[in-house]
Amino acid sequence: MPRDLHSGPVAERVAALNARYKHHSATAVLEHALRDDDLGSVALVSSFGAESVVLLHLVSVISPETPVLFIDTRMLFAETLEYQRQLAQTLHLCDVRTIRAAQPRVAFEDPDGTLHQFNTDACCAVRKVEPLERALSGFDGWITGRKRYQSNTRGTVEFFEAEGDTRIKVNPLAHWGREDLEEYIVNNRLPRHPLVAKGYPSIGCAPCTSPVKPGEDPRAGRWRGTQKTECGIHFIDGKPVRITKDTAA
């Protein structure tokens, strides 16, 4: 289990961090997360998706040896797998770790690869949530690319969040908008995920991701036609979040 860095609960530390960094930049928040012993050992979790290159580039500049956890569900687009290899090399990331579900577990829960067709939560749990939880068990915190503008369910995301009383979650880009990301990518001449040009502003597993129409929520193409909006890797009070479109209204 992650070590207890302070006598106070994680929630109190998170409140203090958010107050301290309320008016700071994404870079300042990220530098704190990567370099300050207050947070302990931290990993970046990245999907290597449509917007991932911004946070990956920031980490590569500040601390390229930071562990980067990449969850390969074995259902990703071929373009995502190639993009992951490209970015790891281009950004000189030193410690990219590919995380996968144990094959016996997948074989038992999803023997014919159709679980996503009738139970998306169960599919995400076995292919993403469980493998990530194992990978994070040795860390005191983790960095995500979640941003408020992405959807209604993320509209109140703060820089620091408590993951139960277990870990601290850091969201350096919480207050960035689409324009900020675009400007950063252009100014730093960063390579884009090839599916972005084909209408995919948010990219997950191939069977559950579709293009987004103009004016739609950027995550509208994730699990289209269902009430699901999150895969479940984000936790509140130690439990996976599976916010539906109904509860997000």
C-alpha atoms as a PDB file:
ATOM      1  CA  MET A   1       0.000   0.000   0.000  1.00  0.00           C
ATOM      2  CA  PRO A   2       1.176   3.589  -0.620  1.00  0.00           C
ATOM      3  CA  ARG A   3       2.889   5.053   2.417  1.00  0.00           C
ATOM      4  CA  ASP A   4       1.132   7.559   4.699  1.00  0.00           C
ATOM      5  CA  LEU A   5       3.056  10.772   4.057  1.00  0.00           C
ATOM      6  CA  HIS A   6       1.263  12.952   6.603  1.00  0.00           C
ATOM      7  CA  SER A   7      -0.848  12.455   9.689  1.00  0.00           C
ATOM      8  CA  GLY A   8      -3.865  14.192   8.147  1.00  0.00           C
ATOM      9  CA  PRO A   9      -6.214  12.393   5.761  1.00  0.00           C
ATOM     10  CA  VAL A  10      -5.756  12.666   2.025  1.00  0.00           C
ATOM     11  CA  ALA A  11      -8.805  14.940   1.704  1.00  0.00           C
ATOM     12  CA  GLU A  12      -7.258  17.540   4.012  1.00  0.00           C
ATOM     13  CA  ARG A  13      -3.989  17.504   2.087  1.00  0.00           C
ATOM     14  CA  VAL A  14      -5.917  17.904  -1.176  1.00  0.00           C
ATOM     15  CA  ALA A  15      -7.869  20.872   0.169  1.00  0.00           C
ATOM     16  CA  ALA A  16      -4.635  22.538   1.245  1.00  0.00           C
ATOM     17  CA  LEU A  17      -2.998  21.882  -2.122  1.00  0.00           C
ATOM     18  CA  ASN A  18      -5.948  23.290  -4.056  1.00  0.00           C
ATOM     19  CA  ALA A  19      -5.943  26.417  -1.892  1.00  0.00           C
ATOM     20  CA  ARG A  20      -2.202  26.840  -2.330  1.00  0.00           C
ATOM     21  CA  TYR A  21      -2.208  26.359  -6.094  1.00  0.00           C
ATOM     22  CA  LYS A  22      -5.568  27.926  -6.922  1.00  0.00           C
ATOM     23  CA  HIS A  23      -4.048  30.670  -9.072  1.00  0.00           C
ATOM     24  CA  HIS A  24      -1.011  28.805 -10.335  1.00  0.00           C
ATOM     25  CA  SER A  25      -0.301  27.554 -13.841  1.00  0.00           C
ATOM     26  CA  ALA A  26      -0.446  23.999 -15.094  1.00  0.00           C
ATOM     27  CA  THR A  27       3.348  23.926 -15.162  1.00  0.00           C
ATOM     28  CA  ALA A  28       3.605  24.948 -11.501  1.00  0.00           C
ATOM     29  CA  VAL A  29       1.091  22.291 -10.475  1.00  0.00           C
ATOM     30  CA  LEU A  30       2.879  19.639 -12.501  1.00  0.00           C
ATOM     31  CA  GLU A  31       6.298  20.606 -11.157  1.00  0.00           C
ATOM     32  CA  HIS A  32       4.943  20.305  -7.641  1.00  0.00           C
ATOM     33  CA  ALA A  33       3.459  16.895  -8.345  1.00  0.00           C
ATOM     34  CA  LEU A  34       6.674  15.580  -9.884  1.00  0.00           C
ATOM     35  CA  ARG A  35       9.287  17.107  -7.630  1.00  0.00           C
ATOM     36  CA  ASP A  36       7.792  17.686  -4.194  1.00  0.00           C
ATOM     37  CA  ASP A  37       8.133  14.956  -1.573  1.00  0.00           C
ATOM     38  CA  ASP A  38       4.774  16.124  -0.212  1.00  0.00           C
ATOM     39  CA  LEU A  39       3.078  13.968  -2.837  1.00  0.00           C
ATOM     40  CA  GLY A  40       5.433  10.999  -2.700  1.00  0.00           C
ATOM     41  CA  SER A  41       5.885   8.743  -5.732  1.00  0.00           C
ATOM     42  CA  VAL A  42       3.752   9.800  -8.691  1.00  0.00           C
ATOM     43  CA  ALA A  43       3.032   8.308 -12.124  1.00  0.00           C
ATOM     44  CA  LEU A  44       1.415   9.801 -15.204  1.00  0.00           C
ATOM     45  CA  VAL A  45      -1.453   7.754 -16.618  1.00  0.00           C
ATOM     46  CA  SER A  46      -1.899   8.426 -20.326  1.00  0.00           C
ATOM     47  CA  SER A  47      -4.203   7.036 -22.976  1.00  0.00           C
ATOM     48  CA  PHE A  48      -1.973   8.495 -25.730  1.00  0.00           C
ATOM     49  CA  GLY A  49      -5.232   9.836 -27.113  1.00  0.00           C
ATOM     50  CA  ALA A  50      -6.333  12.987 -28.889  1.00  0.00           C
ATOM     51  CA  GLU A  51      -4.978  15.509 -26.361  1.00  0.00           C
ATOM     52  CA  SER A  52      -2.419  13.409 -24.499  1.00  0.00           C
ATOM     53  CA  VAL A  53       0.601  14.903 -26.241  1.00  0.00           C
ATOM     54  CA  VAL A  54       0.324  18.181 -24.292  1.00  0.00           C
ATOM     55  CA  LEU A  55       0.709  16.627 -20.853  1.00  0.00           C
ATOM     56  CA  LEU A  56       3.252  14.109 -22.102  1.00  0.00           C
ATOM     57  CA  HIS A  57       5.351  16.941 -23.540  1.00  0.00           C
ATOM     58  CA  LEU A  58       5.162  18.934 -20.290  1.00  0.00           C
ATOM     59  CA  VAL A  59       6.297  15.881 -18.334  1.00  0.00           C
ATOM     60  CA  SER A  60       9.111  15.201 -20.805  1.00  0.00           C
ATOM     61  CA  VAL A  61      10.434  18.734 -20.239  1.00  0.00           C
ATOM     62  CA  ILE A  62      10.080  18.784 -16.441  1.00  0.00           C
ATOM     63  CA  SER A  63      10.931  15.191 -15.549  1.00  0.00           C
ATOM     64  CA  PRO A  64      11.302  12.733 -18.471  1.00  0.00           C
ATOM     65  CA  GLU A  65      12.071   9.836 -16.120  1.00  0.00           C
ATOM     66  CA  THR A  66       8.532   9.985 -14.697  1.00  0.00           C
ATOM     67  CA  PRO A  67       6.776   6.597 -14.992  1.00  0.00           C
ATOM     68  CA  VAL A  68       4.125   6.748 -17.717  1.00  0.00           C
ATOM     69  CA  LEU A  69       1.406   4.105 -17.456  1.00  0.00           C
ATOM     70  CA  PHE A  70      -0.308   3.207 -20.734  1.00  0.00           C
ATOM     71  CA  ILE A  71      -3.282   0.846 -20.556  1.00  0.00           C
ATOM     72  CA  ASP A  72      -3.441  -1.409 -23.592  1.00  0.00           C
ATOM     73  CA  THR A  73      -6.893  -2.987 -23.530  1.00  0.00           C
ATOM     74  CA  ARG A  74      -6.069  -5.035 -26.626  1.00  0.00           C
ATOM     75  CA  MET A  75      -9.023  -3.259 -28.237  1.00  0.00           C
ATOM     76  CA  LEU A  76      -7.322   0.031 -29.083  1.00  0.00           C
ATOM     77  CA  PHE A  77      -7.118   1.528 -32.546  1.00  0.00           C
ATOM     78  CA  ALA A  78      -3.979   0.541 -34.439  1.00  0.00           C
ATOM     79  CA  GLU A  79      -3.379   4.278 -34.840  1.00  0.00           C
ATOM     80  CA  THR A  80      -3.233   4.697 -31.048  1.00  0.00           C
ATOM     81  CA  LEU A  81      -0.632   1.964 -30.640  1.00  0.00           C
ATOM     82  CA  GLU A  82       1.542   3.501 -33.348  1.00  0.00           C
ATOM     83  CA  TYR A  83       1.079   6.988 -31.887  1.00  0.00           C
ATOM     84  CA  GLN A  84       2.159   5.698 -28.483  1.00  0.00           C
ATOM     85  CA  ARG A  85       5.379   4.336 -29.949  1.00  0.00           C
ATOM     86  CA  GLN A  86       5.979   7.557 -31.868  1.00  0.00           C
ATOM     87  CA  LEU A  87       5.506   9.846 -28.871  1.00  0.00           C
ATOM     88  CA  ALA A  88       7.609   7.725 -26.526  1.00  0.00           C
ATOM     89  CA  GLN A  89      10.489   8.027 -28.980  1.00  0.00           C
ATOM     90  CA  THR A  90       9.952  11.639 -30.041  1.00  0.00           C
ATOM     91  CA  LEU A  91       9.575  12.973 -26.495  1.00  0.00           C
ATOM     92  CA  HIS A  92      12.380  10.802 -25.098  1.00  0.00           C
ATOM     93  CA  LEU A  93      10.182   9.405 -22.346  1.00  0.00           C
ATOM     94  CA  CYS A  94      12.381   7.147 -20.239  1.00  0.00           C
ATOM     95  CA  ASP A  95       9.894   4.930 -18.415  1.00  0.00           C
ATOM     96  CA  VAL A  96       6.758   4.074 -20.405  1.00  0.00           C
ATOM     97  CA  ARG A  97       5.030   1.030 -18.937  1.00  0.00           C
ATOM     98  CA  THR A  98       2.390  -0.808 -20.944  1.00  0.00           C
ATOM     99  CA  ILE A  99      -0.311  -2.142 -18.624  1.00  0.00           C
ATOM    100  CA  ARG A 100      -2.560  -5.022 -19.700  1.00  0.00           C
ATOM    101  CA  ALA A 101      -5.126  -7.246 -18.060  1.00  0.00           C
ATOM    102  CA  ALA A 102      -3.989 -10.743 -17.150  1.00  0.00           C
ATOM    103  CA  GLN A 103      -4.867 -12.973 -20.071  1.00  0.00           C
ATOM    104  CA  PRO A 104      -6.514 -15.708 -17.924  1.00  0.00           C
ATOM    105  CA  ARG A 105      -8.776 -13.039 -16.434  1.00  0.00           C
ATOM    106  CA  VAL A 106      -9.796 -11.753 -19.866  1.00  0.00           C
ATOM    107  CA  ALA A 107     -10.313 -15.284 -21.142  1.00  0.00           C
ATOM    108  CA  PHE A 108     -12.659 -16.002 -18.237  1.00  0.00           C
ATOM    109  CA  GLU A 109     -14.667 -12.744 -18.360  1.00  0.00           C
ATOM    110  CA  ASP A 110     -14.632 -12.121 -22.119  1.00  0.00           C
ATOM    111  CA  PRO A 111     -13.748 -15.367 -23.927  1.00  0.00           C
ATOM    112  CA  ASP A 112     -15.101 -14.306 -27.318  1.00  0.00           C
ATOM    113  CA  GLY A 113     -14.289 -10.580 -27.133  1.00  0.00           C
ATOM    114  CA  THR A 114     -17.929  -9.450 -27.156  1.00  0.00           C
ATOM    115  CA  LEU A 115     -18.358  -8.331 -23.534  1.00  0.00           C
ATOM    116  CA  HIS A 116     -18.365  -4.674 -24.618  1.00  0.00           C
ATOM    117  CA  GLN A 117     -21.510  -5.291 -26.667  1.00  0.00           C
ATOM    118  CA  PHE A 118     -23.736  -6.044 -23.687  1.00  0.00           C
ATOM    119  CA  ASN A 119     -21.871  -4.852 -20.556  1.00  0.00           C
ATOM    120  CA  THR A 120     -19.499  -1.945 -21.149  1.00  0.00           C
ATOM    121  CA  ASP A 121     -18.875  -1.429 -17.426  1.00  0.00           C
ATOM    122  CA  ALA A 122     -17.728  -5.024 -16.994  1.00  0.00           C
ATOM    123  CA  CYS A 123     -15.502  -4.787 -20.068  1.00  0.00           C
ATOM    124  CA  CYS A 124     -13.858  -1.584 -18.832  1.00  0.00           C
ATOM    125  CA  ALA A 125     -13.448  -3.087 -15.373  1.00  0.00           C
ATOM    126  CA  VAL A 126     -11.531  -6.132 -16.539  1.00  0.00           C
ATOM    127  CA  ARG A 127      -9.521  -4.430 -19.287  1.00  0.00           C
ATOM    128  CA  LYS A 128      -8.808  -1.020 -17.705  1.00  0.00           C
ATOM    129  CA  VAL A 129      -9.842  -0.506 -14.082  1.00  0.00           C
ATOM    130  CA  GLU A 130      -8.354  -3.650 -12.549  1.00  0.00           C
ATOM    131  CA  PRO A 131      -5.012  -3.510 -14.418  1.00  0.00           C
ATOM    132  CA  LEU A 132      -4.578   0.185 -13.588  1.00  0.00           C
ATOM    133  CA  GLU A 133      -5.377  -0.324  -9.915  1.00  0.00           C
ATOM    134  CA  ARG A 134      -2.668  -2.976  -9.727  1.00  0.00           C
ATOM    135  CA  ALA A 135      -0.193  -0.719 -11.518  1.00  0.00           C
ATOM    136  CA  LEU A 136      -0.957   2.227  -9.213  1.00  0.00           C
ATOM    137  CA  SER A 137      -0.664   0.206  -6.008  1.00  0.00           C
ATOM    138  CA  GLY A 138       2.966   1.238  -5.636  1.00  0.00           C
ATOM    139  CA  PHE A 139       2.351   4.964  -6.100  1.00  0.00           C
ATOM    140  CA  ASP A 140       1.171   7.711  -3.748  1.00  0.00           C
ATOM    141  CA  GLY A 141      -0.480   9.699  -6.532  1.00  0.00           C
ATOM    142  CA  TRP A 142      -1.118   9.872 -10.249  1.00  0.00           C
ATOM    143  CA  ILE A 143      -1.387  12.529 -12.920  1.00  0.00           C
ATOM    144  CA  THR A 144      -4.276  12.650 -15.392  1.00  0.00           C
ATOM    145  CA  GLY A 145      -5.179  14.779 -18.398  1.00  0.00           C
ATOM    146  CA  ARG A 146      -8.772  15.449 -17.349  1.00  0.00           C
ATOM    147  CA  LYS A 147     -10.088  18.915 -18.174  1.00  0.00           C
ATOM    148  CA  ARG A 148     -13.255  20.749 -17.213  1.00  0.00           C
ATOM    149  CA  TYR A 149     -14.285  21.624 -20.752  1.00  0.00           C
ATOM    150  CA  GLN A 150     -14.394  18.004 -21.922  1.00  0.00           C
ATOM    151  CA  SER A 151     -17.885  17.240 -20.613  1.00  0.00           C
ATOM    152  CA  ASN A 152     -20.491  18.179 -18.025  1.00  0.00           C
ATOM    153  CA  THR A 153     -19.322  15.339 -15.797  1.00  0.00           C
ATOM    154  CA  ARG A 154     -15.860  16.927 -15.584  1.00  0.00           C
ATOM    155  CA  GLY A 155     -17.015  20.522 -15.132  1.00  0.00           C
ATOM    156  CA  THR A 156     -15.821  20.827 -11.533  1.00  0.00           C
ATOM    157  CA  VAL A 157     -12.470  19.030 -11.779  1.00  0.00           C
ATOM    158  CA  GLU A 158      -9.820  20.617  -9.530  1.00  0.00           C
ATOM    159  CA  PHE A 159      -6.016  20.506  -9.747  1.00  0.00           C
ATOM    160  CA  PHE A 160      -5.856  18.007  -6.892  1.00  0.00           C
ATOM    161  CA  GLU A 161      -8.396  15.343  -5.943  1.00  0.00           C
ATOM    162  CA  ALA A 162      -8.568  12.745  -3.205  1.00  0.00           C
ATOM    163  CA  GLU A 163      -8.917   9.181  -4.391  1.00  0.00           C
ATOM    164  CA  GLY A 164     -10.584   7.966  -1.233  1.00  0.00           C
ATOM    165  CA  ASP A 165      -7.943   7.946   1.497  1.00  0.00           C
ATOM    166  CA  THR A 166      -5.521   6.100  -0.732  1.00  0.00           C
ATOM    167  CA  ARG A 167      -3.924   8.422  -3.291  1.00  0.00           C
ATOM    168  CA  ILE A 168      -3.927  11.974  -4.600  1.00  0.00           C
ATOM    169  CA  LYS A 169      -4.938  12.543  -8.187  1.00  0.00           C
ATOM    170  CA  VAL A 170      -3.395  15.504 -10.017  1.00  0.00           C
ATOM    171  CA  ASN A 171      -5.102  17.237 -12.959  1.00  0.00           C
ATOM    172  CA  PRO A 172      -2.638  19.931 -14.135  1.00  0.00           C
ATOM    173  CA  LEU A 173      -4.700  20.840 -17.219  1.00  0.00           C
ATOM    174  CA  ALA A 174      -8.035  21.065 -15.397  1.00  0.00           C
ATOM    175  CA  HIS A 175      -8.600  24.698 -16.367  1.00  0.00           C
ATOM    176  CA  TRP A 176      -7.280  24.523 -19.923  1.00  0.00           C
ATOM    177  CA  GLY A 177      -9.672  24.947 -22.823  1.00  0.00           C
ATOM    178  CA  ARG A 178      -9.552  23.521 -26.319  1.00  0.00           C
ATOM    179  CA  GLU A 179      -7.907  26.723 -27.563  1.00  0.00           C
ATOM    180  CA  ASP A 180      -5.127  26.449 -24.982  1.00  0.00           C
ATOM    181  CA  LEU A 181      -4.362  22.899 -26.057  1.00  0.00           C
ATOM    182  CA  GLU A 182      -4.387  23.820 -29.738  1.00  0.00           C
ATOM    183  CA  GLU A 183      -2.037  26.750 -29.156  1.00  0.00           C
ATOM    184  CA  TYR A 184       0.360  24.590 -27.160  1.00  0.00           C
ATOM    185  CA  ILE A 185       0.427  21.848 -29.803  1.00  0.00           C
ATOM    186  CA  VAL A 186       1.053  24.338 -32.616  1.00  0.00           C
ATOM    187  CA  ASN A 187       3.682  26.370 -30.755  1.00  0.00           C
ATOM    188  CA  ASN A 188       5.626  23.265 -29.789  1.00  0.00           C
ATOM    189  CA  ARG A 189       5.121  21.544 -33.156  1.00  0.00           C
ATOM    190  CA  LEU A 190       3.833  18.391 -31.529  1.00  0.00           C
ATOM    191  CA  PRO A 191       2.559  15.408 -33.552  1.00  0.00           C
ATOM    192  CA  ARG A 192      -1.186  14.839 -33.426  1.00  0.00           C
ATOM    193  CA  HIS A 193      -3.063  11.587 -33.073  1.00  0.00           C
ATOM    194  CA  PRO A 194      -3.975  10.628 -36.674  1.00  0.00           C
ATOM    195  CA  LEU A 195      -7.644  10.046 -35.792  1.00  0.00           C
ATOM    196  CA  VAL A 196      -8.188  13.658 -34.677  1.00  0.00           C
ATOM    197  CA  ALA A 197      -8.304  14.778 -38.312  1.00  0.00           C
ATOM    198  CA  LYS A 198     -11.008  12.158 -38.904  1.00  0.00           C
ATOM    199  CA  GLY A 199     -13.392  13.607 -36.321  1.00  0.00           C
ATOM    200  CA  TYR A 200     -12.287  11.871 -33.112  1.00  0.00           C
ATOM    201  CA  PRO A 201     -11.682  14.508 -30.379  1.00  0.00           C
ATOM    202  CA  SER A 202     -11.764  11.790 -27.689  1.00  0.00           C
ATOM    203  CA  ILE A 203     -10.324   8.354 -28.397  1.00  0.00           C
ATOM    204  CA  GLY A 204     -10.803   5.126 -26.477  1.00  0.00           C
ATOM    205  CA  CYS A 205     -11.207   1.522 -27.559  1.00  0.00           C
ATOM    206  CA  ALA A 206     -12.070   1.007 -31.227  1.00  0.00           C
ATOM    207  CA  PRO A 207     -15.409  -0.820 -30.709  1.00  0.00           C
ATOM    208  CA  CYS A 208     -16.739   1.890 -28.372  1.00  0.00           C
ATOM    209  CA  THR A 209     -15.491   5.092 -30.045  1.00  0.00           C
ATOM    210  CA  SER A 210     -17.087   6.933 -32.953  1.00  0.00           C
ATOM    211  CA  PRO A 211     -16.536  10.293 -34.689  1.00  0.00           C
ATOM    212  CA  VAL A 212     -18.110  13.413 -33.170  1.00  0.00           C
ATOM    213  CA  LYS A 213     -20.291  15.827 -35.115  1.00  0.00           C
ATOM    214  CA  PRO A 214     -19.761  19.614 -35.002  1.00  0.00           C
ATOM    215  CA  GLY A 215     -21.334  21.082 -31.871  1.00  0.00           C
ATOM    216  CA  GLU A 216     -21.414  17.808 -29.968  1.00  0.00           C
ATOM    217  CA  ASP A 217     -19.752  17.264 -26.598  1.00  0.00           C
ATOM    218  CA  PRO A 218     -16.114  16.271 -27.242  1.00  0.00           C
ATOM    219  CA  ARG A 219     -16.775  12.933 -25.525  1.00  0.00           C
ATOM    220  CA  ALA A 220     -20.068  12.263 -27.331  1.00  0.00           C
ATOM    221  CA  GLY A 221     -18.369   9.603 -29.437  1.00  0.00           C
ATOM    222  CA  ARG A 222     -17.474   7.501 -26.396  1.00  0.00           C
ATOM    223  CA  TRP A 223     -19.981   4.664 -25.829  1.00  0.00           C
ATOM    224  CA  ARG A 224     -22.445   6.373 -28.167  1.00  0.00           C
ATOM    225  CA  GLY A 225     -26.036   5.244 -27.710  1.00  0.00           C
ATOM    226  CA  THR A 226     -25.552   4.335 -24.052  1.00  0.00           C
ATOM    227  CA  GLN A 227     -25.796   6.213 -20.763  1.00  0.00           C
ATOM    228  CA  LYS A 228     -22.107   5.618 -20.045  1.00  0.00           C
ATOM    229  CA  THR A 229     -19.706   8.577 -20.077  1.00  0.00           C
ATOM    230  CA  GLU A 230     -16.683   7.365 -18.078  1.00  0.00           C
ATOM    231  CA  CYS A 231     -14.683   4.142 -18.214  1.00  0.00           C
ATOM    232  CA  GLY A 232     -14.391   3.860 -14.435  1.00  0.00           C
ATOM    233  CA  ILE A 233     -10.679   4.456 -13.835  1.00  0.00           C
ATOM    234  CA  HIS A 234     -11.440   7.609 -11.855  1.00  0.00           C
ATOM    235  CA  PHE A 235     -12.387   7.066  -8.233  1.00  0.00           C
ATOM    236  CA  ILE A 236     -14.332   8.882  -5.535  1.00  0.00           C
ATOM    237  CA  ASP A 237     -14.086   7.533  -1.998  1.00  0.00           C
ATOM    238  CA  GLY A 238     -12.138   4.592  -3.336  1.00  0.00           C
ATOM    239  CA  LYS A 239     -14.867   3.529  -5.754  1.00  0.00           C
ATOM    240  CA  PRO A 240     -14.780   3.727  -9.568  1.00  0.00           C
ATOM    241  CA  VAL A 241     -16.800   6.530 -11.107  1.00  0.00           C
ATOM    242  CA  ARG A 242     -19.354   5.475 -13.687  1.00  0.00           C
ATOM    243  CA  ILE A 243     -21.305   8.689 -14.181  1.00  0.00           C
ATOM    244  CA  THR A 244     -24.188   8.406 -16.607  1.00  0.00           C
ATOM    245  CA  LYS A 245     -25.621  11.036 -18.881  1.00  0.00           C
ATOM    246  CA  ASP A 246     -28.753  11.142 -16.712  1.00  0.00           C
ATOM    247  CA  THR A 247     -26.882  11.939 -13.493  1.00  0.00           C
ATOM    248  CA  ALA A 248     -24.691  14.466 -15.275  1.00  0.00           C
ATOM    249  CA  ALA A 249     -27.660  16.658 -16.266  1.00  0.00           C
END
